[in-house]
């Protein structure tokens, strides 16, 4: 009987091993399918991430180009503004020089005229409005008129504003 029991056991063992072998093979096949599916999903996710990165790089490139264009435009505007300011400053300096020259010529001529006491006469010249202003004190209406005449002669084309006061 022992042989019969051993035979039954051997048959069961062989049958059990056969089922186990088939189970392992099925498990391996299932694992291989799942592994392929996971690999496909990973590949698709990688492709999608690559597209996202490419789109982000395109957007960054566009933003960089736009910023560079704005910077270039701002630089051009600043250069134009600086050029205008420089031109205006040069014109102002020239006008100031012209005004100072007119003031000096008038004051010198007033002091050179013996009929006027020029020590109390101030001369201001504004080149931008082409105006000479006489301020201060004179001894007579004749001195006031003479001061106007001298200023007109020394600053042709300028308007003379005579604010001199007559005090005896």
N, C-alpha and C. Protein backbone atom coordinates (compact mmCIF):
# COMPACT_ATOMS: atom_id res chain seq x y z
N UNK A 1 0.80 -1.13 0.00
CA UNK A 1 0.00 0.00 0.00
C UNK A 1 0.88 1.24 0.00
N UNK A 2 1.93 1.08 0.50
CA UNK A 2 2.86 2.17 0.57
C UNK A 2 3.25 2.63 -0.82
N UNK A 3 3.40 1.71 -1.66
CA UNK A 3 3.74 2.06 -3.04
C UNK A 3 2.58 2.81 -3.66
N UNK A 4 1.38 2.37 -3.39
CA UNK A 4 0.18 3.03 -3.95
C UNK A 4 0.04 4.43 -3.43
N UNK A 5 0.31 4.61 -2.15
CA UNK A 5 0.21 5.95 -1.56
C UNK A 5 1.29 6.81 -2.12
N UNK A 6 2.46 6.27 -2.28
CA UNK A 6 3.59 7.04 -2.84
C UNK A 6 3.29 7.45 -4.26
N UNK A 7 2.64 6.55 -4.98
CA UNK A 7 2.30 6.85 -6.36
C UNK A 7 1.26 7.95 -6.43
N UNK A 8 0.29 7.92 -5.56
CA UNK A 8 -0.74 8.96 -5.52
C UNK A 8 -0.09 10.27 -5.17
N UNK A 9 0.80 10.21 -4.22
CA UNK A 9 1.46 11.45 -3.79
C UNK A 9 2.33 11.99 -4.90
N UNK A 10 3.03 11.11 -5.57
CA UNK A 10 3.88 11.55 -6.67
C UNK A 10 3.03 12.15 -7.77
N UNK A 11 1.88 11.55 -8.04
CA UNK A 11 0.99 12.06 -9.08
C UNK A 11 0.47 13.41 -8.67
N UNK A 12 0.12 13.57 -7.43
CA UNK A 12 -0.40 14.85 -6.93
C UNK A 12 0.70 15.90 -6.97
N UNK A 13 1.89 15.49 -6.62
CA UNK A 13 3.00 16.42 -6.63
C UNK A 13 3.28 16.88 -8.04
N UNK A 14 3.29 15.92 -8.97
CA UNK A 14 3.54 16.27 -10.38
C UNK A 14 2.40 17.14 -10.87
N UNK A 15 1.17 16.81 -10.54
CA UNK A 15 0.01 17.60 -10.96
C UNK A 15 0.07 18.97 -10.33
N UNK A 16 0.41 19.03 -9.04
CA UNK A 16 0.52 20.33 -8.33
C UNK A 16 1.63 21.17 -8.92
N UNK A 17 2.73 20.55 -9.24
CA UNK A 17 3.85 21.29 -9.84
C UNK A 17 3.46 21.80 -11.20
N UNK A 18 2.69 20.97 -11.91
CA UNK A 18 2.24 21.39 -13.25
C UNK A 18 1.36 22.62 -13.12
N UNK A 19 0.45 22.61 -12.15
CA UNK A 19 -0.42 23.78 -11.95
C UNK A 19 0.41 24.98 -11.48
N UNK A 20 1.37 24.76 -10.65
CA UNK A 20 2.21 25.84 -10.16
C UNK A 20 3.01 26.42 -11.30
N UNK A 21 3.56 25.54 -12.16
CA UNK A 21 4.33 26.01 -13.30
C UNK A 21 3.44 26.83 -14.22
N UNK A 22 2.24 26.38 -14.48
CA UNK A 22 1.32 27.13 -15.33
C UNK A 22 0.96 28.47 -14.69
N UNK A 23 0.78 28.49 -13.39
CA UNK A 23 0.47 29.73 -12.67
C UNK A 23 1.60 30.74 -12.76
N UNK A 24 2.81 30.20 -12.60
CA UNK A 24 3.98 31.08 -12.68
C UNK A 24 4.10 31.64 -14.08
N UNK A 25 3.87 30.81 -15.09
CA UNK A 25 3.95 31.29 -16.47
C UNK A 25 2.90 32.35 -16.74
N UNK A 26 1.66 32.11 -16.26
CA UNK A 26 0.60 33.11 -16.45
C UNK A 26 0.95 34.40 -15.71
N UNK A 27 1.45 34.26 -14.50
CA UNK A 27 1.85 35.44 -13.73
C UNK A 27 2.94 36.21 -14.48
N UNK A 28 3.88 35.47 -15.05
CA UNK A 28 4.97 36.11 -15.80
C UNK A 28 4.42 36.81 -17.04
N UNK A 29 3.48 36.15 -17.73
CA UNK A 29 2.87 36.77 -18.92
C UNK A 29 2.12 38.04 -18.52
N UNK A 30 1.35 37.96 -17.43
CA UNK A 30 0.60 39.13 -16.96
C UNK A 30 1.55 40.26 -16.56
N UNK A 31 2.61 39.88 -15.90
CA UNK A 31 3.60 40.88 -15.49
C UNK A 31 4.24 41.52 -16.72
N UNK A 32 4.52 40.74 -17.74
CA UNK A 32 5.13 41.27 -18.97
C UNK A 32 4.17 42.23 -19.65
N UNK A 33 2.87 41.90 -19.70
CA UNK A 33 1.87 42.78 -20.32
C UNK A 33 1.78 44.07 -19.53
N UNK A 34 1.69 43.95 -18.22
CA UNK A 34 1.61 45.17 -17.38
C UNK A 34 2.87 46.01 -17.53
N UNK A 35 4.01 45.37 -17.64
CA UNK A 35 5.27 46.07 -17.81
C UNK A 35 5.28 46.82 -19.14
N UNK A 36 4.79 46.17 -20.21
CA UNK A 36 4.72 46.84 -21.53
C UNK A 36 3.76 48.03 -21.46
N UNK A 37 2.62 47.85 -20.81
CA UNK A 37 1.65 48.95 -20.68
C UNK A 37 2.27 50.12 -19.90
N UNK A 38 2.97 49.82 -18.83
CA UNK A 38 3.61 50.86 -18.03
C UNK A 38 4.68 51.57 -18.86
N UNK A 39 5.42 50.80 -19.66
CA UNK A 39 6.46 51.39 -20.50
C UNK A 39 5.83 52.33 -21.54
N UNK A 40 4.69 51.91 -22.12
CA UNK A 40 3.99 52.76 -23.09
C UNK A 40 3.49 54.04 -22.43
N UNK A 41 2.92 53.91 -21.23
CA UNK A 41 2.43 55.09 -20.51
C UNK A 41 3.59 56.03 -20.17
N UNK A 42 4.71 55.44 -19.76
CA UNK A 42 5.89 56.25 -19.43
C UNK A 42 6.40 56.97 -20.67
N UNK A 43 6.44 56.25 -21.79
CA UNK A 43 6.91 56.87 -23.04
C UNK A 43 5.98 58.01 -23.45
N UNK A 44 4.68 57.81 -23.33
CA UNK A 44 3.71 58.87 -23.69
C UNK A 44 3.86 60.06 -22.76
N UNK A 45 4.02 59.81 -21.46
CA UNK A 45 4.20 60.89 -20.50
C UNK A 45 5.49 61.66 -20.81
N UNK A 46 6.53 60.94 -21.21
CA UNK A 46 7.80 61.58 -21.56
C UNK A 46 7.63 62.44 -22.80
N UNK A 47 6.91 61.92 -23.81
CA UNK A 47 6.66 62.72 -25.02
C UNK A 47 5.85 63.97 -24.69
N UNK A 48 4.84 63.81 -23.85
CA UNK A 48 4.00 64.96 -23.45
C UNK A 48 4.83 65.99 -22.67
N UNK A 49 5.67 65.51 -21.77
CA UNK A 49 6.53 66.43 -21.01
C UNK A 49 7.49 67.15 -21.96
N UNK A 50 7.99 66.45 -22.96
CA UNK A 50 8.87 67.07 -23.96
C UNK A 50 8.14 68.16 -24.73
N UNK A 51 6.88 67.90 -25.11
CA UNK A 51 6.08 68.93 -25.80
C UNK A 51 5.87 70.13 -24.90
N UNK A 52 5.56 69.86 -23.62
CA UNK A 52 5.36 70.97 -22.66
C UNK A 52 6.62 71.81 -22.52
N UNK A 53 7.76 71.13 -22.43
CA UNK A 53 9.03 71.85 -22.30
C UNK A 53 9.30 72.68 -23.57
N UNK A 54 9.03 72.12 -24.73
CA UNK A 54 9.24 72.85 -25.98
C UNK A 54 8.34 74.08 -26.06
N UNK A 55 7.08 73.91 -25.64
CA UNK A 55 6.16 75.06 -25.65
C UNK A 55 6.61 76.12 -24.66
N UNK A 56 7.05 75.70 -23.50
CA UNK A 56 7.54 76.66 -22.50
C UNK A 56 8.77 77.39 -23.03
N UNK A 57 9.65 76.68 -23.71
CA UNK A 57 10.84 77.30 -24.29
C UNK A 57 10.45 78.31 -25.36
N UNK A 58 9.46 77.97 -26.18
CA UNK A 58 8.97 78.91 -27.20
C UNK A 58 8.40 80.17 -26.54
N UNK A 59 7.60 79.98 -25.49
CA UNK A 59 7.04 81.14 -24.78
C UNK A 59 8.14 81.99 -24.17
N UNK A 60 9.14 81.34 -23.58
CA UNK A 60 10.26 82.08 -22.99
C UNK A 60 11.03 82.84 -24.07
N UNK A 61 11.22 82.21 -25.22
CA UNK A 61 11.90 82.89 -26.33
C UNK A 61 11.11 84.10 -26.80
N UNK A 62 9.78 83.94 -26.91
CA UNK A 62 8.92 85.06 -27.31
C UNK A 62 9.00 86.20 -26.30
N UNK A 63 8.95 85.84 -25.03
CA UNK A 63 9.02 86.86 -23.97
C UNK A 63 10.37 87.56 -24.00
N UNK A 64 11.43 86.82 -24.24
CA UNK A 64 12.76 87.42 -24.31
C UNK A 64 12.86 88.37 -25.49
N UNK A 65 12.33 87.95 -26.65
CA UNK A 65 12.35 88.83 -27.83
C UNK A 65 11.53 90.09 -27.57
N UNK A 66 10.38 89.94 -26.95
CA UNK A 66 9.53 91.09 -26.65
C UNK A 66 10.23 92.04 -25.68
N UNK A 67 10.86 91.49 -24.66
CA UNK A 67 11.59 92.33 -23.70
C UNK A 67 12.75 93.05 -24.38
N UNK A 68 13.44 92.36 -25.27
CA UNK A 68 14.55 92.98 -25.99
C UNK A 68 14.04 94.11 -26.88
N UNK A 69 12.90 93.90 -27.54
CA UNK A 69 12.32 94.95 -28.39
C UNK A 69 11.93 96.16 -27.56
N UNK A 70 11.31 95.92 -26.39
CA UNK A 70 10.92 97.03 -25.52
C UNK A 70 12.15 97.78 -25.00
N UNK A 71 13.19 97.03 -24.67
CA UNK A 71 14.42 97.66 -24.18
C UNK A 71 15.05 98.51 -25.29
N UNK A 72 15.07 97.99 -26.50
CA UNK A 72 15.63 98.75 -27.62
C UNK A 72 14.83 100.02 -27.85
N UNK A 73 13.52 99.92 -27.80
CA UNK A 73 12.66 101.10 -28.01
C UNK A 73 12.90 102.13 -26.90
N UNK A 74 12.97 101.66 -25.66
CA UNK A 74 13.21 102.58 -24.54
C UNK A 74 14.57 103.25 -24.68
N UNK A 75 15.56 102.49 -25.15
CA UNK A 75 16.89 103.06 -25.35
C UNK A 75 16.86 104.12 -26.44
N UNK A 76 16.15 103.84 -27.53
CA UNK A 76 16.03 104.84 -28.61
C UNK A 76 15.35 106.10 -28.10
N UNK A 77 14.28 105.93 -27.33
CA UNK A 77 13.57 107.09 -26.79
C UNK A 77 14.46 107.88 -25.84
N UNK A 78 15.19 107.17 -24.98
CA UNK A 78 16.08 107.86 -24.03
C UNK A 78 17.18 108.61 -24.77
N UNK A 79 17.70 108.00 -25.82
CA UNK A 79 18.75 108.67 -26.60
C UNK A 79 18.19 109.92 -27.27
N UNK A 80 16.98 109.82 -27.79
CA UNK A 80 16.34 111.00 -28.40
C UNK A 80 16.11 112.10 -27.38
N UNK A 81 15.65 111.70 -26.20
CA UNK A 81 15.42 112.68 -25.13
C UNK A 81 16.73 113.33 -24.71
N UNK A 82 17.78 112.53 -24.59
CA UNK A 82 19.09 113.07 -24.21
C UNK A 82 19.61 114.02 -25.28
N UNK A 83 19.42 113.66 -26.54
CA UNK A 83 19.87 114.53 -27.63
C UNK A 83 19.12 115.86 -27.59
N UNK A 84 17.82 115.80 -27.37
CA UNK A 84 17.03 117.04 -27.28
C UNK A 84 17.47 117.88 -26.09
N UNK A 85 17.70 117.24 -24.96
CA UNK A 85 18.12 117.97 -23.77
C UNK A 85 19.49 118.62 -24.00
N UNK A 86 20.38 117.90 -24.66
CA UNK A 86 21.70 118.45 -24.96
C UNK A 86 21.58 119.64 -25.89
N UNK A 87 20.75 119.50 -26.92
CA UNK A 87 20.55 120.60 -27.88
C UNK A 87 19.95 121.81 -27.16
N UNK A 88 18.96 121.57 -26.29
CA UNK A 88 18.33 122.66 -25.54
C UNK A 88 19.33 123.32 -24.60
N UNK A 89 20.15 122.51 -23.95
CA UNK A 89 21.15 123.06 -23.03
C UNK A 89 22.17 123.91 -23.79
N UNK A 90 22.57 123.43 -24.96
CA UNK A 90 23.53 124.19 -25.76
C UNK A 90 22.92 125.51 -26.21
N UNK A 91 21.65 125.46 -26.62
CA UNK A 91 20.97 126.70 -27.04
C UNK A 91 20.83 127.65 -25.86
N UNK A 92 20.50 127.09 -24.70
CA UNK A 92 20.36 127.92 -23.51
C UNK A 92 21.69 128.55 -23.13
N UNK A 93 22.75 127.76 -23.23
CA UNK A 93 24.07 128.29 -22.91
C UNK A 93 24.45 129.40 -23.89
N UNK A 94 24.11 129.19 -25.15
CA UNK A 94 24.40 130.22 -26.15
C UNK A 94 23.60 131.49 -25.85
N UNK A 95 22.32 131.29 -25.50
CA UNK A 95 21.48 132.45 -25.16
C UNK A 95 22.01 133.17 -23.93
N UNK A 96 22.44 132.39 -22.94
CA UNK A 96 22.99 132.98 -21.72
C UNK A 96 24.25 133.77 -22.04
N UNK A 97 25.08 133.21 -22.91
CA UNK A 97 26.30 133.92 -23.32
C UNK A 97 25.96 135.20 -24.06
N UNK A 98 24.97 135.13 -24.97
CA UNK A 98 24.53 136.33 -25.70
C UNK A 98 23.98 137.36 -24.73
N UNK A 99 23.18 136.93 -23.77
CA UNK A 99 22.58 137.85 -22.80
C UNK A 99 23.67 138.50 -21.96
N UNK A 100 24.65 137.71 -21.53
CA UNK A 100 25.74 138.26 -20.72
C UNK A 100 26.53 139.28 -21.52
N UNK A 101 26.75 138.98 -22.79
CA UNK A 101 27.49 139.91 -23.65
C UNK A 101 26.71 141.21 -23.82
N UNK A 102 25.41 141.11 -24.05
CA UNK A 102 24.57 142.31 -24.19
C UNK A 102 24.60 143.14 -22.91
N UNK A 103 24.46 142.46 -21.77
CA UNK A 103 24.48 143.16 -20.48
C UNK A 103 25.80 143.91 -20.30
N UNK A 104 26.92 143.24 -20.58
CA UNK A 104 28.23 143.85 -20.43
C UNK A 104 28.40 145.07 -21.35
N UNK A 105 27.98 144.92 -22.60
CA UNK A 105 28.11 146.03 -23.55
C UNK A 105 27.28 147.23 -23.10
N UNK A 106 26.06 147.00 -22.65
CA UNK A 106 25.19 148.11 -22.22
C UNK A 106 25.76 148.77 -20.97
N UNK A 107 26.14 147.97 -19.98
CA UNK A 107 26.66 148.52 -18.72
C UNK A 107 27.94 149.32 -18.99
N UNK A 108 28.82 148.81 -19.85
CA UNK A 108 30.06 149.51 -20.19
C UNK A 108 29.75 150.84 -20.87
N UNK A 109 28.79 150.83 -21.79
CA UNK A 109 28.43 152.07 -22.49
C UNK A 109 27.80 153.08 -21.54
N UNK A 110 26.99 152.60 -20.59
CA UNK A 110 26.38 153.51 -19.61
C UNK A 110 27.46 154.15 -18.74
N UNK A 111 28.44 153.36 -18.32
CA UNK A 111 29.51 153.90 -17.47
C UNK A 111 30.42 154.86 -18.24
N UNK A 112 30.53 154.62 -19.55
CA UNK A 112 31.39 155.48 -20.37
C UNK A 112 30.75 156.83 -20.67
N UNK A 113 29.44 156.91 -20.56
CA UNK A 113 28.73 158.17 -20.84
C UNK A 113 28.80 159.07 -19.61
N UNK A 114 29.42 160.23 -19.77
CA UNK A 114 29.63 161.16 -18.65
C UNK A 114 28.35 161.82 -18.19
N UNK A 115 27.29 161.79 -19.02
CA UNK A 115 26.04 162.46 -18.63
C UNK A 115 25.17 161.59 -17.72
N UNK A 116 25.62 160.35 -17.43
CA UNK A 116 24.82 159.42 -16.61
C UNK A 116 25.66 158.93 -15.43
N UNK A 117 25.01 158.84 -14.27
CA UNK A 117 25.63 158.17 -13.12
C UNK A 117 25.16 156.71 -13.16
N UNK A 118 25.98 155.85 -13.73
CA UNK A 118 25.60 154.45 -13.96
C UNK A 118 25.84 153.58 -12.73
N UNK A 119 26.35 154.14 -11.66
CA UNK A 119 26.69 153.33 -10.49
C UNK A 119 25.47 152.72 -9.82
N UNK A 120 24.29 153.29 -10.06
CA UNK A 120 23.07 152.75 -9.42
C UNK A 120 22.10 152.17 -10.46
N UNK A 121 22.62 151.81 -11.62
CA UNK A 121 21.78 151.21 -12.67
C UNK A 121 22.16 149.74 -12.82
N UNK A 122 21.15 148.88 -12.72
CA UNK A 122 21.34 147.44 -12.97
C UNK A 122 20.80 147.13 -14.36
N UNK A 123 21.52 146.29 -15.08
CA UNK A 123 21.10 145.87 -16.43
C UNK A 123 20.92 144.35 -16.41
N UNK A 124 19.72 143.90 -16.78
CA UNK A 124 19.43 142.47 -16.91
C UNK A 124 18.99 142.21 -18.33
N UNK A 125 19.54 141.16 -18.93
CA UNK A 125 19.20 140.82 -20.31
C UNK A 125 18.68 139.39 -20.35
N UNK A 126 17.54 139.21 -20.99
CA UNK A 126 16.94 137.89 -21.17
C UNK A 126 16.94 137.58 -22.66
N UNK A 127 17.87 136.70 -23.08
CA UNK A 127 18.02 136.40 -24.50
C UNK A 127 16.81 135.66 -25.06
N UNK A 128 16.18 134.81 -24.27
CA UNK A 128 15.06 134.02 -24.80
C UNK A 128 13.87 134.90 -25.18
N UNK A 129 13.69 136.01 -24.47
CA UNK A 129 12.59 136.94 -24.80
C UNK A 129 13.12 138.19 -25.49
N UNK A 130 14.46 138.24 -25.64
CA UNK A 130 15.12 139.40 -26.27
C UNK A 130 14.68 140.69 -25.58
N UNK A 131 14.85 140.69 -24.25
CA UNK A 131 14.44 141.84 -23.44
C UNK A 131 15.60 142.31 -22.57
N UNK A 132 15.83 143.63 -22.56
CA UNK A 132 16.80 144.25 -21.66
C UNK A 132 15.99 145.04 -20.65
N UNK A 133 16.26 144.78 -19.35
CA UNK A 133 15.55 145.50 -18.29
C UNK A 133 16.56 146.38 -17.54
N UNK A 134 16.21 147.68 -17.47
CA UNK A 134 17.02 148.64 -16.71
C UNK A 134 16.31 148.89 -15.40
N UNK A 135 17.04 148.72 -14.27
CA UNK A 135 16.47 148.95 -12.95
C UNK A 135 17.45 149.79 -12.14
N UNK A 136 16.92 150.48 -11.19
CA UNK A 136 17.78 151.25 -10.31
C UNK A 136 17.34 152.71 -10.25
N UNK A 137 18.30 153.58 -9.92
CA UNK A 137 18.00 154.99 -9.70
C UNK A 137 18.84 155.87 -10.63
N UNK A 138 18.20 156.92 -11.16
CA UNK A 138 18.88 157.96 -11.94
C UNK A 138 18.48 159.30 -11.36
N UNK A 139 19.26 160.37 -11.71
CA UNK A 139 19.02 161.69 -11.13
C UNK A 139 17.97 162.50 -11.88
N UNK A 140 17.67 162.13 -13.16
CA UNK A 140 16.73 162.95 -13.92
C UNK A 140 16.06 162.12 -15.00
N UNK A 141 14.99 162.71 -15.58
CA UNK A 141 14.32 162.06 -16.70
C UNK A 141 15.23 162.03 -17.92
N UNK A 142 16.16 163.01 -18.03
CA UNK A 142 17.11 163.02 -19.14
C UNK A 142 18.05 161.82 -19.03
N UNK A 143 18.54 161.49 -17.82
CA UNK A 143 19.39 160.30 -17.62
C UNK A 143 18.61 159.03 -17.96
N UNK A 144 17.36 158.99 -17.57
CA UNK A 144 16.51 157.83 -17.86
C UNK A 144 16.38 157.64 -19.37
N UNK A 145 16.14 158.73 -20.11
CA UNK A 145 15.99 158.67 -21.57
C UNK A 145 17.32 158.28 -22.21
N UNK A 146 18.42 158.82 -21.71
CA UNK A 146 19.74 158.50 -22.26
C UNK A 146 20.05 157.01 -22.04
N UNK A 147 19.72 156.48 -20.87
CA UNK A 147 19.95 155.06 -20.58
C UNK A 147 19.16 154.18 -21.55
N UNK A 148 17.94 154.57 -21.87
CA UNK A 148 17.12 153.82 -22.83
C UNK A 148 17.77 153.84 -24.21
N UNK A 149 18.22 155.04 -24.63
CA UNK A 149 18.86 155.20 -25.95
C UNK A 149 20.11 154.34 -26.05
N UNK A 150 20.98 154.38 -25.03
CA UNK A 150 22.22 153.59 -25.04
C UNK A 150 21.91 152.10 -25.09
N UNK A 151 20.97 151.63 -24.30
CA UNK A 151 20.59 150.21 -24.30
C UNK A 151 20.08 149.79 -25.66
N UNK A 152 19.27 150.63 -26.31
CA UNK A 152 18.74 150.33 -27.64
C UNK A 152 19.85 150.23 -28.67
N UNK A 153 20.85 151.12 -28.56
CA UNK A 153 21.96 151.10 -29.51
C UNK A 153 22.85 149.87 -29.33
N UNK A 154 23.08 149.46 -28.11
CA UNK A 154 23.98 148.34 -27.83
C UNK A 154 23.31 146.97 -27.96
N UNK A 155 21.99 146.96 -27.93
CA UNK A 155 21.26 145.68 -28.04
C UNK A 155 20.20 145.79 -29.13
N UNK A 156 20.62 145.92 -30.39
CA UNK A 156 19.63 146.04 -31.46
C UNK A 156 18.78 144.77 -31.54
N UNK A 157 17.51 144.96 -31.75
CA UNK A 157 16.60 143.82 -31.84
C UNK A 157 16.03 143.40 -30.48
N UNK A 158 16.52 144.00 -29.41
CA UNK A 158 16.01 143.70 -28.07
C UNK A 158 14.99 144.75 -27.67
N UNK A 159 14.00 144.34 -26.90
CA UNK A 159 13.02 145.27 -26.34
C UNK A 159 13.62 145.82 -25.05
N UNK A 160 13.49 147.12 -24.85
CA UNK A 160 14.05 147.75 -23.66
C UNK A 160 12.92 148.04 -22.69
N UNK A 161 13.06 147.48 -21.48
CA UNK A 161 12.09 147.73 -20.41
C UNK A 161 12.80 148.62 -19.39
N UNK A 162 12.44 149.91 -19.39
CA UNK A 162 13.12 150.87 -18.52
C UNK A 162 12.32 151.04 -17.23
N UNK A 163 12.82 150.46 -16.16
CA UNK A 163 12.19 150.53 -14.85
C UNK A 163 13.01 151.44 -13.92
N UNK A 164 13.79 152.33 -14.50
CA UNK A 164 14.60 153.25 -13.68
C UNK A 164 13.70 154.25 -12.97
N UNK A 165 14.06 154.55 -11.73
CA UNK A 165 13.31 155.55 -10.95
C UNK A 165 14.15 156.83 -10.88
N UNK A 166 13.44 157.94 -11.04
CA UNK A 166 14.11 159.24 -10.95
C UNK A 166 14.06 159.69 -9.50
N UNK A 167 15.25 159.93 -8.93
CA UNK A 167 15.36 160.45 -7.57
C UNK A 167 16.44 161.52 -7.57
N UNK A 168 16.10 162.64 -7.06
CA UNK A 168 17.07 163.75 -7.07
C UNK A 168 17.90 163.80 -5.87
